[in-house]
Amino acid sequence: MKGTVYQGWIPLGAEFPPSLNTEVDSTQLKEGESPAAYGIDCGADGVMKSGSCPTGTARVITYGLSPYTTLPWYYNRMWRITGSTLAWFAPYYNDLTLQQDLGKVAATATIVDILPYGADSMLVVTASGAHSISNCSDSRGYFAFFRFFQDLFADGATKMLCLDGDPYVSNTKGIFSLKDGAVVEWTRPIRDTLGSFSNVAITADYQKLWVIGTAKFVVDVGQKKLFDYGTSGFLYTSRTLISDGDNRPFTVDSVALLVRQTDDQGGTITWQSKFEDGDWKDEKDIEVKYVEGKFTRIEQTIKQDGRTAQRFAMRITSMPSNVEIKEIQVCVAGLTIGAATA
């Protein structure tokens, strides 16, 4: 399909806050994705602003009564972990251990912890994977032992939790959950560049559906977005603009930001541009002036020489916390839009 050669303003960044995605080529990213970004407020709906990693709540573990205050109490019974063996006791007793029939099962490796999830299921987590047990609320102990999930391994009890009924684990391969019997790899968009998302203790914001890696990251489960806080400062990098289908050269003249300030203190946005695969070049700072309660449009001419190229990207390297960006646009000429890509 032959595309349209376009001249005018087009969106470069939108659908904020942007989600990190390093696996897809930057020319194929969506407007709400970034190949390199950190220090972005994950809770700023519809806008991009600087922010820090939120604080979550640790999972709650209930225990039996004295002298069994170290035995987890789930589904109206106590459980005991001994090496690779998980034992359970007769229901309704939280101050007395009465074995129920055989009352135990062996895992494939030493058990790190157990994690109740869903209506009546239990995840038995080891350092090499996790077993799933269902029907755990059955008072007769008629449990169903499900398959082994090798992706759901963890090396510490603080690296697992249950959010919205599903179990999550943090390990050296990223963040994983179990949904309707299938493993979900939440960090798939950054699989080969995990960085801050690797093997971190996790908590959660149970209302906002965030999995929070302590001072490191946020996985927004509801919006399916990833946010990095493991590097100090702020960075937002746009997708790379390229002509659809034919890679024809195009001209980029200016950028425009739709911005709003949350106070009257003013603010300066520092940014850079890049053509082709060249170096990032400093551009003139964008000064934001306060207009009460409104977004304003600020246009800035690109000062780089040779502004005709086959690829263009921009990045913001500094932005004050009182500034919000709703959309980033670029003024182009000769850009092919809507052509089929071979």
Protein backbone atom coordinates (compact mmCIF):
# COMPACT_ATOMS: atom_id res chain seq x y z
CA MET A 1 0.00 0.00 0.00
CA LYS A 2 1.34 3.41 -0.98
CA GLY A 3 1.40 5.94 1.82
CA THR A 4 0.72 9.66 2.02
CA VAL A 5 3.58 12.14 2.00
CA TYR A 6 2.77 14.41 4.90
CA GLN A 7 3.68 17.97 5.83
CA GLY A 8 2.74 19.49 9.17
CA TRP A 9 2.56 18.59 12.86
CA ILE A 10 2.33 14.97 13.98
CA PRO A 11 2.46 13.35 17.44
CA LEU A 12 5.85 12.00 18.52
CA GLY A 13 4.97 11.21 22.14
CA ALA A 14 1.53 10.80 23.71
CA GLU A 15 -0.56 8.36 25.76
CA PHE A 16 1.53 9.33 28.78
CA PRO A 17 3.01 8.32 31.14
CA PRO A 18 5.28 6.34 28.80
CA SER A 19 6.10 2.68 29.33
CA LEU A 20 9.62 1.33 28.94
CA ASN A 21 10.19 -0.95 25.95
CA THR A 22 13.72 -1.92 24.90
CA GLU A 23 12.91 -5.09 22.94
CA VAL A 24 11.11 -3.50 19.99
CA ASP A 25 13.09 -1.39 17.53
CA SER A 26 12.63 2.27 18.45
CA THR A 27 11.14 2.97 14.99
CA GLN A 28 8.31 0.54 15.77
CA LEU A 29 7.37 1.83 19.22
CA LYS A 30 3.97 3.30 19.98
CA GLU A 31 3.57 6.94 21.01
CA GLY A 32 3.17 5.88 24.64
CA GLU A 33 6.40 3.85 24.77
CA SER A 34 10.03 4.79 25.28
CA PRO A 35 13.28 2.92 24.53
CA ALA A 36 15.03 4.67 27.44
CA ALA A 37 13.23 6.34 30.34
CA TYR A 38 13.49 6.67 34.11
CA GLY A 39 12.31 8.91 36.92
CA ILE A 40 8.80 9.31 35.43
CA ASP A 41 5.77 9.59 37.70
CA CYS A 42 3.79 6.38 37.12
CA GLY A 43 0.70 7.82 38.80
CA ALA A 44 0.33 10.89 36.59
CA ASP A 45 -2.63 9.84 34.45
CA GLY A 46 -2.55 11.16 30.90
CA VAL A 47 0.59 13.26 31.36
CA MET A 48 4.34 12.88 31.78
CA LYS A 49 6.06 14.41 34.78
CA SER A 50 9.06 13.61 36.92
CA GLY A 51 8.60 11.50 40.01
CA SER A 52 10.09 8.94 42.36
CA CYS A 53 9.32 5.32 43.12
CA PRO A 54 6.17 5.00 45.25
CA THR A 55 6.06 3.02 48.46
CA GLY A 56 4.06 -0.19 48.53
CA THR A 57 2.55 -2.45 51.17
CA ALA A 58 4.10 -5.81 51.98
CA ARG A 59 1.94 -8.92 51.74
CA VAL A 60 0.19 -9.98 54.94
CA ILE A 61 1.06 -13.37 56.42
CA THR A 62 -1.16 -14.83 59.13
CA TYR A 63 0.08 -17.38 61.66
CA GLY A 64 -1.22 -19.85 64.20
CA LEU A 65 -1.50 -19.12 67.89
CA SER A 66 1.15 -19.80 70.52
CA PRO A 67 3.19 -21.95 70.45
CA TYR A 68 2.73 -22.14 66.66
CA THR A 69 3.33 -18.50 65.79
CA THR A 70 5.76 -19.46 63.00
CA LEU A 71 3.28 -21.71 61.16
CA PRO A 72 1.31 -19.96 58.38
CA TRP A 73 -2.48 -20.00 58.78
CA TYR A 74 -4.27 -20.18 55.44
CA TYR A 75 -7.64 -21.64 54.45
CA ASN A 76 -8.53 -22.36 58.09
CA ARG A 77 -5.56 -24.62 58.77
CA MET A 78 -1.88 -24.41 59.69
CA TRP A 79 0.94 -25.33 57.31
CA ARG A 80 4.56 -26.26 57.97
CA ILE A 81 7.56 -25.96 55.65
CA THR A 82 10.48 -28.30 56.34
CA GLY A 83 13.09 -28.28 53.61
CA SER A 84 11.35 -29.51 50.47
CA THR A 85 8.31 -30.86 52.33
CA LEU A 86 5.04 -29.01 52.84
CA ALA A 87 2.82 -30.41 55.60
CA TRP A 88 -0.67 -29.36 56.58
CA PHE A 89 -2.72 -30.05 59.67
CA ALA A 90 -6.35 -30.64 60.50
CA PRO A 91 -8.60 -27.66 59.80
CA TYR A 92 -9.91 -25.16 62.33
CA TYR A 93 -7.12 -25.76 64.88
CA ASN A 94 -4.76 -22.80 65.16
CA ASP A 95 -3.28 -23.82 68.51
CA LEU A 96 -2.86 -27.56 68.01
CA THR A 97 -1.14 -29.59 65.27
CA LEU A 98 -3.17 -32.64 64.33
CA GLN A 99 -2.02 -34.48 61.24
CA GLN A 100 -4.73 -35.10 58.64
CA ASP A 101 -4.21 -38.39 56.78
CA LEU A 102 -0.77 -38.27 55.09
CA GLY A 103 -0.89 -34.51 55.30
CA LYS A 104 2.22 -33.63 53.31
CA VAL A 105 3.71 -33.29 49.83
CA ALA A 106 7.27 -33.05 48.52
CA ALA A 107 8.41 -30.21 46.26
CA THR A 108 11.18 -30.45 43.67
CA ALA A 109 13.54 -28.34 45.80
CA THR A 110 13.77 -26.57 49.13
CA ILE A 111 10.60 -24.52 49.64
CA VAL A 112 11.19 -20.78 49.93
CA ASP A 113 7.62 -19.95 50.98
CA ILE A 114 3.98 -20.63 50.19
CA LEU A 115 1.62 -18.06 48.71
CA PRO A 116 -2.18 -18.34 48.81
CA TYR A 117 -3.95 -16.97 45.74
CA GLY A 118 -7.30 -17.00 44.00
CA ALA A 119 -10.29 -18.54 45.76
CA ASP A 120 -8.53 -21.54 47.30
CA SER A 121 -5.16 -22.13 45.64
CA MET A 122 -1.61 -22.18 46.96
CA LEU A 123 1.68 -21.55 45.17
CA VAL A 124 4.58 -23.54 46.62
CA VAL A 125 7.63 -21.52 45.60
CA THR A 126 11.17 -22.87 45.35
CA ALA A 127 14.39 -21.46 43.90
CA SER A 128 13.86 -23.58 40.76
CA GLY A 129 10.14 -23.03 40.15
CA ALA A 130 6.73 -23.28 41.77
CA HIS A 131 4.05 -25.94 42.28
CA SER A 132 0.38 -25.03 42.34
CA ILE A 133 -2.12 -26.64 44.70
CA SER A 134 -5.85 -26.07 44.30
CA ASN A 135 -8.95 -26.90 46.37
CA CYS A 136 -7.06 -25.87 49.51
CA SER A 137 -10.25 -24.82 51.30
CA ASP A 138 -11.50 -28.42 51.33
CA SER A 139 -11.74 -29.38 55.00
CA ARG A 140 -11.10 -33.05 54.14
CA GLY A 141 -7.72 -32.20 52.65
CA TYR A 142 -8.70 -33.33 49.17
CA PHE A 143 -6.25 -31.03 47.40
CA ALA A 144 -5.45 -31.07 43.69
CA PHE A 145 -1.78 -30.85 42.77
CA PHE A 146 -1.34 -28.91 39.57
CA ARG A 147 1.61 -28.57 37.20
CA PHE A 148 5.07 -27.21 37.95
CA PHE A 149 5.86 -23.68 36.68
CA GLN A 150 9.58 -23.28 36.11
CA ASP A 151 9.32 -19.52 35.41
CA LEU A 152 7.84 -18.83 38.86
CA PHE A 153 10.99 -19.29 40.93
CA ALA A 154 12.16 -16.97 43.72
CA ASP A 155 14.99 -16.95 46.22
CA GLY A 156 13.26 -15.09 49.04
CA ALA A 157 9.88 -14.71 50.72
CA THR A 158 9.90 -10.96 50.03
CA LYS A 159 10.00 -11.61 46.29
CA MET A 160 6.45 -12.91 45.96
CA LEU A 161 2.97 -11.55 46.57
CA CYS A 162 -0.64 -11.86 45.48
CA LEU A 163 -2.30 -8.98 43.63
CA ASP A 164 -5.91 -8.96 42.43
CA GLY A 165 -6.10 -12.69 43.06
CA ASP A 166 -2.99 -13.63 41.05
CA PRO A 167 0.46 -14.62 42.39
CA TYR A 168 3.53 -12.61 41.32
CA VAL A 169 7.22 -13.40 41.73
CA SER A 170 10.38 -11.37 41.21
CA ASN A 171 13.49 -13.22 40.09
CA THR A 172 16.60 -12.92 37.95
CA LYS A 173 14.50 -13.26 34.79
CA GLY A 174 12.09 -10.43 35.67
CA ILE A 175 8.53 -10.21 36.98
CA PHE A 176 6.12 -13.09 36.38
CA SER A 177 2.57 -13.94 37.40
CA LEU A 178 0.14 -16.82 37.04
CA LYS A 179 -3.17 -15.99 35.35
CA ASP A 180 -5.81 -18.64 34.65
CA GLY A 181 -3.18 -21.38 34.63
CA ALA A 182 -0.77 -19.57 32.29
CA VAL A 183 2.44 -17.74 33.15
CA VAL A 184 2.55 -14.01 32.28
CA GLU A 185 5.97 -12.40 31.74
CA TRP A 186 5.41 -8.76 32.67
CA THR A 187 8.95 -7.70 31.83
CA ARG A 188 8.86 -9.16 28.30
CA PRO A 189 9.32 -5.66 26.75
CA ILE A 190 12.71 -5.38 28.52
CA ARG A 191 13.68 -9.07 28.70
CA ASP A 192 17.27 -8.61 27.46
CA THR A 193 17.91 -5.38 29.41
CA LEU A 194 16.24 -5.98 32.78
CA GLY A 195 18.48 -3.64 34.76
CA SER A 196 16.51 -2.42 37.79
CA PHE A 197 13.81 -5.06 37.27
CA SER A 198 15.99 -8.05 38.16
CA ASN A 199 15.50 -10.00 41.40
CA VAL A 200 14.20 -7.25 43.70
CA ALA A 201 12.01 -7.51 46.80
CA ILE A 202 8.46 -6.50 45.87
CA THR A 203 5.50 -4.85 47.53
CA ALA A 204 2.24 -3.64 46.01
CA ASP A 205 -0.28 -0.85 45.80
CA TYR A 206 -3.34 -3.06 46.00
CA GLN A 207 -5.75 -0.32 44.98
CA LYS A 208 -3.83 0.95 41.95
CA LEU A 209 -2.69 -2.55 40.93
CA TRP A 210 1.02 -1.76 41.02
CA VAL A 211 3.79 -4.26 41.70
CA ILE A 212 6.58 -2.19 43.23
CA GLY A 213 10.24 -3.20 43.29
CA THR A 214 11.67 -1.48 46.35
CA ALA A 215 13.05 1.90 45.16
CA LYS A 216 13.64 0.33 41.73
CA PHE A 217 10.56 -0.04 39.54
CA VAL A 218 6.80 -0.19 39.11
CA VAL A 219 4.83 -2.65 37.02
CA ASP A 220 1.42 -1.09 36.41
CA VAL A 221 -0.70 -4.22 36.02
CA GLY A 222 -3.87 -2.33 35.08
CA GLN A 223 -2.23 -0.25 32.34
CA LYS A 224 0.38 -2.86 31.39
CA LYS A 225 3.23 -0.36 31.73
CA LEU A 226 6.78 -0.50 33.12
CA PHE A 227 8.51 2.34 34.99
CA ASP A 228 12.19 2.46 35.98
CA TYR A 229 13.45 4.26 39.10
CA GLY A 230 16.78 2.48 39.50
CA THR A 231 18.72 5.38 37.96
CA SER A 232 18.70 8.79 39.63
CA GLY A 233 17.43 11.77 37.69
CA PHE A 234 14.98 11.99 34.80
CA LEU A 235 15.07 10.78 31.22
CA TYR A 236 12.47 10.44 28.51
CA THR A 237 13.44 9.29 25.02
CA SER A 238 10.93 9.41 22.19
CA ARG A 239 10.31 6.73 19.62
CA THR A 240 12.37 7.16 16.44
CA LEU A 241 10.46 8.76 13.60
CA ILE A 242 10.92 7.11 10.20
CA SER A 243 9.01 7.18 6.90
CA ASP A 244 6.67 4.22 6.55
CA GLY A 245 7.58 1.71 3.87
CA ASP A 246 10.14 3.57 1.78
CA ASN A 247 12.50 5.16 4.37
CA ARG A 248 12.52 8.34 2.31
CA PRO A 249 14.32 11.34 3.87
CA PHE A 250 12.13 13.93 5.55
CA THR A 251 12.66 17.26 7.25
CA VAL A 252 12.08 18.01 10.92
CA ASP A 253 11.88 21.71 11.66
CA SER A 254 10.47 22.13 15.16
CA VAL A 255 9.09 20.38 18.20
CA ALA A 256 6.04 21.41 20.22
CA LEU A 257 5.07 20.53 23.77
CA LEU A 258 1.61 20.71 25.25
CA VAL A 259 2.48 21.56 28.86
CA ARG A 260 0.93 22.65 32.14
CA GLN A 261 2.43 23.85 35.42
CA THR A 262 1.09 22.80 38.79
CA ASP A 263 2.31 26.02 40.47
CA ASP A 264 3.50 29.49 39.46
CA GLN A 265 7.23 28.93 40.00
CA GLY A 266 8.24 28.61 36.35
CA GLY A 267 10.32 25.79 34.94
CA THR A 268 12.96 24.81 32.38
CA ILE A 269 12.95 21.68 30.21
CA THR A 270 16.33 20.50 28.94
CA TRP A 271 16.30 18.40 25.80
CA GLN A 272 18.35 16.99 22.93
CA SER A 273 17.74 15.86 19.37
CA LYS A 274 19.27 13.16 17.19
CA PHE A 275 19.25 12.63 13.43
CA GLU A 276 20.05 9.27 11.87
CA ASP A 277 22.31 7.29 14.25
CA GLY A 278 24.40 10.29 15.20
CA ASP A 279 25.17 11.72 18.61
CA TRP A 280 22.62 13.44 20.79
CA LYS A 281 22.91 17.22 20.37
CA ASP A 282 21.87 19.84 22.92
CA GLU A 283 18.96 22.03 21.96
CA LYS A 284 17.83 25.36 23.35
CA ASP A 285 16.12 24.98 26.73
CA ILE A 286 12.33 25.27 26.75
CA GLU A 287 11.07 27.79 29.28
CA VAL A 288 7.61 27.04 30.65
CA LYS A 289 5.48 29.92 31.86
CA TYR A 290 2.61 29.53 34.26
CA VAL A 291 -0.95 29.72 32.96
CA GLU A 292 -3.40 28.82 35.71
CA GLY A 293 -5.14 25.50 35.20
CA LYS A 294 -4.46 25.26 31.47
CA PHE A 295 -2.23 23.41 29.06
CA THR A 296 -0.26 25.70 26.77
CA ARG A 297 1.56 24.92 23.55
CA ILE A 298 5.25 25.78 23.30
CA GLU A 299 7.04 25.49 19.95
CA GLN A 300 10.82 25.28 19.70
CA THR A 301 12.84 25.35 16.48
CA ILE A 302 15.51 22.67 16.17
CA LYS A 303 18.92 24.31 15.93
CA GLN A 304 20.86 21.35 14.49
CA ASP A 305 22.22 21.71 11.00
CA GLY A 306 21.16 19.19 8.39
CA ARG A 307 17.64 18.62 9.61
CA THR A 308 16.72 16.39 6.66
CA ALA A 309 17.26 12.73 7.45
CA GLN A 310 15.72 9.26 7.43
CA ARG A 311 15.46 9.00 11.23
CA PHE A 312 14.74 11.47 14.03
CA ALA A 313 14.34 11.23 17.81
CA MET A 314 14.37 13.60 20.75
CA ARG A 315 14.86 13.16 24.47
CA ILE A 316 14.22 15.19 27.60
CA THR A 317 17.07 14.99 30.10
CA SER A 318 15.73 17.32 32.80
CA MET A 319 12.28 18.49 33.77
CA PRO A 320 11.08 20.13 37.02
CA SER A 321 8.47 18.33 39.09
CA ASN A 322 5.95 21.16 38.64
CA VAL A 323 5.70 20.65 34.86
CA GLU A 324 3.39 18.17 33.11
CA ILE A 325 3.57 17.25 29.42
CA LYS A 326 0.43 15.98 27.72
CA GLU A 327 1.81 15.54 24.20
CA ILE A 328 4.95 16.05 22.13
CA GLN A 329 4.65 16.91 18.44
CA VAL A 330 7.12 17.49 15.62
CA CYS A 331 6.74 19.57 12.47
CA VAL A 332 7.75 17.49 9.44
CA ALA A 333 7.84 17.74 5.66
CA GLY A 334 8.14 14.81 3.28
CA LEU A 335 7.32 12.10 5.84
CA THR A 336 5.55 9.06 4.40
CA ILE A 337 2.64 7.89 6.57
CA GLY A 338 0.56 4.75 6.19
CA ALA A 339 2.69 2.88 3.64
CA ALA A 340 2.98 -0.89 3.89
CA THR A 341 6.28 -2.12 5.28
CA ALA A 342 7.97 -5.05 3.58
